Amino acid sequence: MPVDRPDLPLNALRVFEVAMRQGSFTRAATELRVTQAAVSHQIARLEDLLGTILFQRTSQGLVPTDEGRALFPVLEHGFDAMARVLDRLTGKRDVEVLKIGVNTTFALGWLMPRLDSFRNAYPEIDLRISTNNNRVEILREGLDMAIRFGTGGWTGHDAVQLMETPLSPLCAPELARELRHPAELARTVLLRSYRSAEWPGWFAAAGVECPALTGPVFDSSVALAEAAASRAGSALLPVAMFERFIAQGRLAQPFGTGVSAGRYYLAWPSDRPVSRAMKTFTHWISGGQDRGMELDSRPRTARPC
């Protein structure tokens, strides 16, 4: 039986979808190549037609209402589906775009060397990678999913655990050869990340008192690794992500003690419909641990990470 559809204000719905994704009328106007006033007008028109408020305008920017959050994933899924069908009708390849935000350390240390195998196995998926320093807003940045490091449990997101990568000191090989006991690390410059508990946690695991921490602070593990390789000091790093540095003789691991600071996860908004590309990528990167992902458009309850 055909569905009784209301008159759909497609242009206004499209403007709303972009504004939600961008988190800003200004950025939405840039993507749509219209003025900010035009975006504001279309949103006001849609709110008037629906008889509900979709955005709260605050001093911190746009905040979607519950009604706006409920409408967005349905529109996003619908516009993506229409785009795929139109591509087929116009003779374009039936390729599904999948946009993934990736923690830089994981991208360089694990994902990039394996991308060719994914693309060869799944040519129907146009995988687009953007890196970040573990600070990512999936919806606002127009992403489908993100690989991030932490302890899980991100509000409003589902996640699949990928791997745990314990932290251990890495330094230049010539420095590593001089170190015989963990306590001797105190004689080196201890390079630090923005997570202040890492070095104290490692020294506790090694059974040694943690020295005063005064070394420079870096905002990424990649920068830490480069500094350690250039003999600037010792860095506490996820060894599995820097095996290439070790194989090249740029870094060495003086002690086997490792300490966990979190895990890598693949995460996506809980209310986002799971596309075939999302399911395929999750299955590939997690070694098949994607049980429970549903290929439908129903909102799903977030599972604990």
Protein backbone atom coordinates (compact mmCIF):
# COMPACT_ATOMS: atom_id res chain seq x y z
CA MET A 1 0.00 0.00 0.00
CA PRO A 2 1.55 3.35 -0.98
CA VAL A 3 2.62 5.68 1.81
CA ASP A 4 0.76 8.99 2.05
CA ARG A 5 3.66 11.41 1.85
CA PRO A 6 3.34 15.08 2.77
CA ASP A 7 4.65 17.74 0.43
CA LEU A 8 8.37 17.37 1.02
CA PRO A 9 10.35 20.63 1.09
CA LEU A 10 13.43 18.91 -0.37
CA ASN A 11 15.59 22.01 -0.59
CA ALA A 12 14.94 22.92 3.04
CA LEU A 13 15.55 19.34 4.14
CA ARG A 14 18.86 19.27 2.28
CA VAL A 15 19.92 22.56 3.91
CA PHE A 16 19.01 21.15 7.34
CA GLU A 17 21.05 17.97 6.70
CA VAL A 18 24.14 19.98 5.77
CA ALA A 19 23.71 22.38 8.72
CA MET A 20 23.50 19.43 11.13
CA ARG A 21 26.58 17.83 9.63
CA GLN A 22 28.58 21.05 9.64
CA GLY A 23 27.30 22.30 13.01
CA SER A 24 27.17 25.84 11.65
CA PHE A 25 25.03 27.89 9.27
CA THR A 26 28.21 29.58 8.02
CA ARG A 27 29.94 26.29 7.13
CA ALA A 28 26.69 24.94 5.65
CA ALA A 29 26.46 28.03 3.43
CA THR A 30 30.03 27.44 2.23
CA GLU A 31 29.30 23.79 1.32
CA LEU A 32 26.06 24.69 -0.45
CA ARG A 33 27.54 27.79 -2.14
CA VAL A 34 24.77 30.07 -0.87
CA THR A 35 24.63 32.87 1.68
CA GLN A 36 24.27 32.33 5.40
CA ALA A 37 20.98 34.25 5.21
CA ALA A 38 19.67 31.74 2.66
CA VAL A 39 20.53 28.84 4.99
CA SER A 40 18.84 30.56 7.93
CA HIS A 41 15.75 31.25 5.80
CA GLN A 42 15.44 27.59 4.70
CA ILE A 43 15.80 26.33 8.29
CA ALA A 44 13.17 28.79 9.52
CA ARG A 45 10.85 27.67 6.69
CA LEU A 46 11.32 24.02 7.60
CA GLU A 47 10.71 24.69 11.29
CA ASP A 48 7.53 26.59 10.37
CA LEU A 49 6.29 23.75 8.15
CA LEU A 50 7.02 21.13 10.81
CA GLY A 51 5.73 23.23 13.68
CA THR A 52 8.81 22.45 15.77
CA ILE A 53 12.21 23.93 16.57
CA LEU A 54 15.17 22.05 15.08
CA PHE A 55 18.05 24.17 16.43
CA GLN A 56 18.59 26.19 19.55
CA ARG A 57 20.77 29.24 18.83
CA THR A 58 23.18 29.71 21.76
CA SER A 59 26.33 31.71 22.45
CA GLN A 60 28.29 28.48 21.85
CA GLY A 61 26.69 27.98 18.44
CA LEU A 62 23.96 25.71 17.09
CA VAL A 63 22.57 23.05 19.41
CA PRO A 64 20.15 20.59 17.74
CA THR A 65 16.95 19.82 19.58
CA ASP A 66 15.72 16.27 20.16
CA GLU A 67 13.51 16.69 17.08
CA GLY A 68 16.52 17.79 15.02
CA ARG A 69 18.57 14.81 16.20
CA ALA A 70 15.74 12.43 15.31
CA LEU A 71 15.34 13.87 11.81
CA PHE A 72 19.01 14.04 10.83
CA PRO A 73 19.98 10.33 10.46
CA VAL A 74 16.87 9.61 8.40
CA LEU A 75 17.67 12.44 5.98
CA GLU A 76 21.36 11.59 5.80
CA HIS A 77 20.58 7.98 4.95
CA GLY A 78 17.95 9.02 2.41
CA PHE A 79 20.15 11.52 0.57
CA ASP A 80 23.02 9.00 0.45
CA ALA A 81 20.70 6.34 -0.97
CA MET A 82 19.37 8.74 -3.62
CA ALA A 83 22.92 9.69 -4.61
CA ARG A 84 23.86 6.05 -5.13
CA VAL A 85 20.82 5.36 -7.32
CA LEU A 86 21.40 8.52 -9.37
CA ASP A 87 25.01 7.48 -9.92
CA ARG A 88 23.81 4.17 -11.33
CA LEU A 89 21.24 5.83 -13.58
CA THR A 90 23.86 8.20 -14.99
CA GLY A 91 26.25 5.36 -15.73
CA LYS A 92 28.66 5.96 -12.87
CA ARG A 93 30.20 3.05 -11.00
CA ASP A 94 28.14 1.76 -8.10
CA VAL A 95 30.66 2.92 -5.51
CA GLU A 96 29.77 3.75 -1.91
CA VAL A 97 31.83 6.48 -0.26
CA LEU A 98 32.95 5.76 3.31
CA LYS A 99 34.57 8.59 5.28
CA ILE A 100 36.69 7.53 8.26
CA GLY A 101 38.45 9.78 10.76
CA VAL A 102 41.57 8.06 12.10
CA ASN A 103 43.88 8.74 15.02
CA THR A 104 47.18 9.70 13.34
CA THR A 105 49.25 7.13 15.24
CA PHE A 106 46.94 4.30 14.21
CA ALA A 107 46.76 5.56 10.63
CA LEU A 108 50.53 5.56 10.14
CA GLY A 109 51.37 2.59 12.35
CA TRP A 110 48.66 0.13 11.29
CA LEU A 111 46.05 1.24 8.77
CA MET A 112 47.98 2.85 5.90
CA PRO A 113 50.24 -0.17 5.24
CA ARG A 114 47.09 -2.33 4.91
CA LEU A 115 44.88 -0.04 2.84
CA ASP A 116 45.81 -1.60 -0.49
CA SER A 117 44.57 -4.99 0.69
CA PHE A 118 41.21 -3.46 1.68
CA ARG A 119 40.83 -1.56 -1.59
CA ASN A 120 41.73 -4.61 -3.65
CA ALA A 121 39.20 -6.72 -1.75
CA TYR A 122 36.41 -4.12 -1.84
CA PRO A 123 36.68 -1.95 -4.97
CA GLU A 124 33.03 -0.97 -4.57
CA ILE A 125 33.94 1.12 -1.48
CA ASP A 126 35.60 4.50 -1.92
CA LEU A 127 37.41 4.73 1.43
CA ARG A 128 38.37 8.29 2.36
CA ILE A 129 40.69 8.77 5.32
CA SER A 130 41.28 11.93 7.35
CA THR A 131 43.64 11.93 10.32
CA ASN A 132 43.33 13.64 13.69
CA ASN A 133 45.05 13.75 17.07
CA ASN A 134 42.25 11.77 18.73
CA ARG A 135 39.93 14.78 18.87
CA VAL A 136 37.11 14.15 16.43
CA GLU A 137 33.43 15.06 16.04
CA ILE A 138 32.01 12.54 13.60
CA LEU A 139 28.84 14.36 12.61
CA ARG A 140 30.28 17.86 12.49
CA GLU A 141 33.24 16.75 10.36
CA GLY A 142 31.03 14.89 7.89
CA LEU A 143 32.46 11.47 8.78
CA ASP A 144 30.75 8.10 8.90
CA MET A 145 32.99 6.50 11.53
CA ALA A 146 36.16 7.20 13.49
CA ILE A 147 39.06 5.19 14.87
CA ARG A 148 40.01 6.64 18.22
CA PHE A 149 42.04 5.76 21.28
CA GLY A 150 40.62 5.66 24.79
CA THR A 151 38.63 3.60 27.25
CA GLY A 152 35.37 3.54 25.27
CA GLY A 153 31.94 4.46 26.53
CA TRP A 154 31.47 7.57 24.36
CA THR A 155 27.98 8.92 24.89
CA GLY A 156 25.71 8.51 21.86
CA HIS A 157 28.13 6.20 20.04
CA ASP A 158 28.43 2.51 19.33
CA ALA A 159 31.94 1.09 19.14
CA VAL A 160 33.88 -2.06 18.31
CA GLN A 161 37.13 -2.69 20.17
CA LEU A 162 40.03 -3.13 17.76
CA MET A 163 43.20 -3.69 19.76
CA GLU A 164 45.12 -2.89 22.90
CA THR A 165 48.63 -1.51 22.39
CA PRO A 166 50.59 -1.33 25.68
CA LEU A 167 52.95 1.60 26.17
CA SER A 168 56.67 1.04 26.69
CA PRO A 169 59.71 3.33 26.51
CA LEU A 170 61.30 3.80 23.10
CA CYS A 171 64.44 5.78 22.38
CA ALA A 172 67.34 5.97 19.93
CA PRO A 173 69.24 2.63 19.76
CA GLU A 174 72.51 4.12 21.05
CA LEU A 175 70.70 5.46 24.12
CA ALA A 176 68.90 2.15 24.66
CA ARG A 177 72.26 0.34 24.78
CA GLU A 178 73.30 2.51 27.74
CA LEU A 179 70.23 1.67 29.82
CA ARG A 180 70.50 -1.37 32.11
CA HIS A 181 67.70 -0.72 34.63
CA PRO A 182 64.39 1.18 34.46
CA ALA A 183 65.62 3.62 37.12
CA GLU A 184 68.30 4.79 34.69
CA LEU A 185 65.60 6.33 32.49
CA ALA A 186 65.59 9.20 35.00
CA ARG A 187 68.94 10.26 33.53
CA THR A 188 67.30 10.83 30.16
CA VAL A 189 64.81 13.50 29.10
CA LEU A 190 61.38 11.94 29.54
CA LEU A 191 59.31 13.13 26.61
CA ARG A 192 55.64 13.40 27.53
CA SER A 193 52.20 13.25 25.93
CA TYR A 194 49.23 15.33 27.07
CA ARG A 195 48.10 12.32 29.16
CA SER A 196 50.00 13.09 32.35
CA ALA A 197 49.43 9.72 34.07
CA GLU A 198 51.34 7.63 31.52
CA TRP A 199 54.90 7.87 32.83
CA PRO A 200 53.88 7.47 36.51
CA GLY A 201 51.86 4.41 35.51
CA TRP A 202 54.78 2.87 33.66
CA PHE A 203 57.30 3.45 36.46
CA ALA A 204 54.82 1.93 38.94
CA ALA A 205 54.52 -1.16 36.71
CA ALA A 206 58.32 -1.36 36.53
CA GLY A 207 58.58 -1.13 40.33
CA VAL A 208 60.55 2.11 40.25
CA GLU A 209 59.79 5.53 41.72
CA CYS A 210 58.77 8.01 39.05
CA PRO A 211 61.19 10.95 38.77
CA ALA A 212 60.12 14.56 38.35
CA LEU A 213 58.57 15.01 34.91
CA THR A 214 59.83 18.17 33.23
CA GLY A 215 60.35 17.07 29.61
CA PRO A 216 58.52 18.69 26.71
CA VAL A 217 54.89 17.78 26.07
CA PHE A 218 53.74 16.67 22.61
CA ASP A 219 50.22 16.47 21.24
CA SER A 220 50.76 13.29 19.20
CA SER A 221 52.59 10.00 19.50
CA VAL A 222 54.04 10.50 16.03
CA ALA A 223 55.74 13.71 17.18
CA LEU A 224 56.97 11.91 20.31
CA ALA A 225 58.46 9.13 18.19
CA GLU A 226 60.23 11.57 15.88
CA ALA A 227 61.70 13.42 18.86
CA ALA A 228 62.90 10.19 20.46
CA ALA A 229 64.42 9.00 17.19
CA SER A 230 66.33 12.28 16.93
CA ARG A 231 67.89 11.55 20.36
CA ALA A 232 65.90 14.18 22.21
CA GLY A 233 65.03 11.71 24.98
CA SER A 234 62.88 8.69 25.81
CA ALA A 235 59.21 8.47 24.85
CA LEU A 236 56.47 6.25 26.19
CA LEU A 237 54.78 4.88 23.07
CA PRO A 238 52.49 2.09 21.83
CA VAL A 239 55.24 -0.18 20.53
CA ALA A 240 52.98 -2.02 18.07
CA MET A 241 52.34 1.25 16.23
CA PHE A 242 56.07 1.97 15.76
CA GLU A 243 57.41 -1.38 14.61
CA ARG A 244 58.50 0.29 11.38
CA PHE A 245 60.72 2.72 13.32
CA ILE A 246 62.24 -0.22 15.22
CA ALA A 247 62.80 -2.26 12.04
CA GLN A 248 64.52 0.74 10.44
CA GLY A 249 66.88 1.06 13.41
CA ARG A 250 65.52 4.49 14.36
CA LEU A 251 64.06 3.40 17.71
CA ALA A 252 64.75 0.64 20.21
CA GLN A 253 62.87 -0.74 23.21
CA PRO A 254 65.23 -0.92 26.20
CA PHE A 255 62.76 -2.61 28.60
CA GLY A 256 59.93 -5.07 28.04
CA THR A 257 57.57 -3.68 30.68
CA GLY A 258 54.37 -2.36 29.16
CA VAL A 259 51.36 -0.57 30.61
CA SER A 260 47.91 -0.12 29.12
CA ALA A 261 46.47 3.38 28.77
CA GLY A 262 43.47 2.40 26.66
CA ARG A 263 42.51 0.70 23.42
CA TYR A 264 41.78 1.59 19.83
CA TYR A 265 38.10 1.53 18.89
CA LEU A 266 36.07 1.99 15.74
CA ALA A 267 33.13 4.22 16.70
CA TRP A 268 30.06 5.65 14.98
CA PRO A 269 26.93 7.56 16.11
CA SER A 270 24.39 5.21 17.68
CA ASP A 271 21.47 6.65 15.73
CA ARG A 272 23.22 6.45 12.34
CA PRO A 273 21.85 3.79 9.97
CA VAL A 274 24.56 1.22 9.30
CA SER A 275 25.41 1.22 5.61
CA ARG A 276 26.82 -1.79 3.79
CA ALA A 277 30.19 -0.03 3.52
CA MET A 278 30.25 0.61 7.28
CA LYS A 279 29.48 -3.03 8.00
CA THR A 280 32.10 -4.25 5.51
CA PHE A 281 34.83 -2.01 6.91
CA THR A 282 33.98 -2.96 10.49
CA HIS A 283 34.12 -6.65 9.62
CA TRP A 284 37.49 -6.20 7.87
CA ILE A 285 39.25 -4.10 10.50
CA SER A 286 37.94 -5.97 13.53
CA GLY A 287 38.61 -9.45 12.19
CA GLY A 288 34.92 -10.26 11.99
CA GLN A 289 33.98 -8.91 15.45
CA ASP A 290 31.07 -6.89 14.05
CA ARG A 291 28.34 -9.14 15.32
CA GLY A 292 25.19 -7.20 16.13
CA MET A 293 25.55 -4.50 13.48
CA GLU A 294 22.24 -4.19 11.70
CA LEU A 295 21.80 -3.11 8.10
CA ASP A 296 18.68 -1.06 8.57
CA SER A 297 17.56 2.47 9.35
CA ARG A 298 16.20 1.93 12.84
CA PRO A 299 17.88 3.84 15.67
CA ARG A 300 19.91 1.44 17.81
CA THR A 301 20.65 1.57 21.52
CA ALA A 302 24.30 2.28 22.25
CA ARG A 303 26.21 -0.71 23.52
CA PRO A 304 28.86 -0.23 26.21
CA CYS A 305 32.34 0.07 24.72
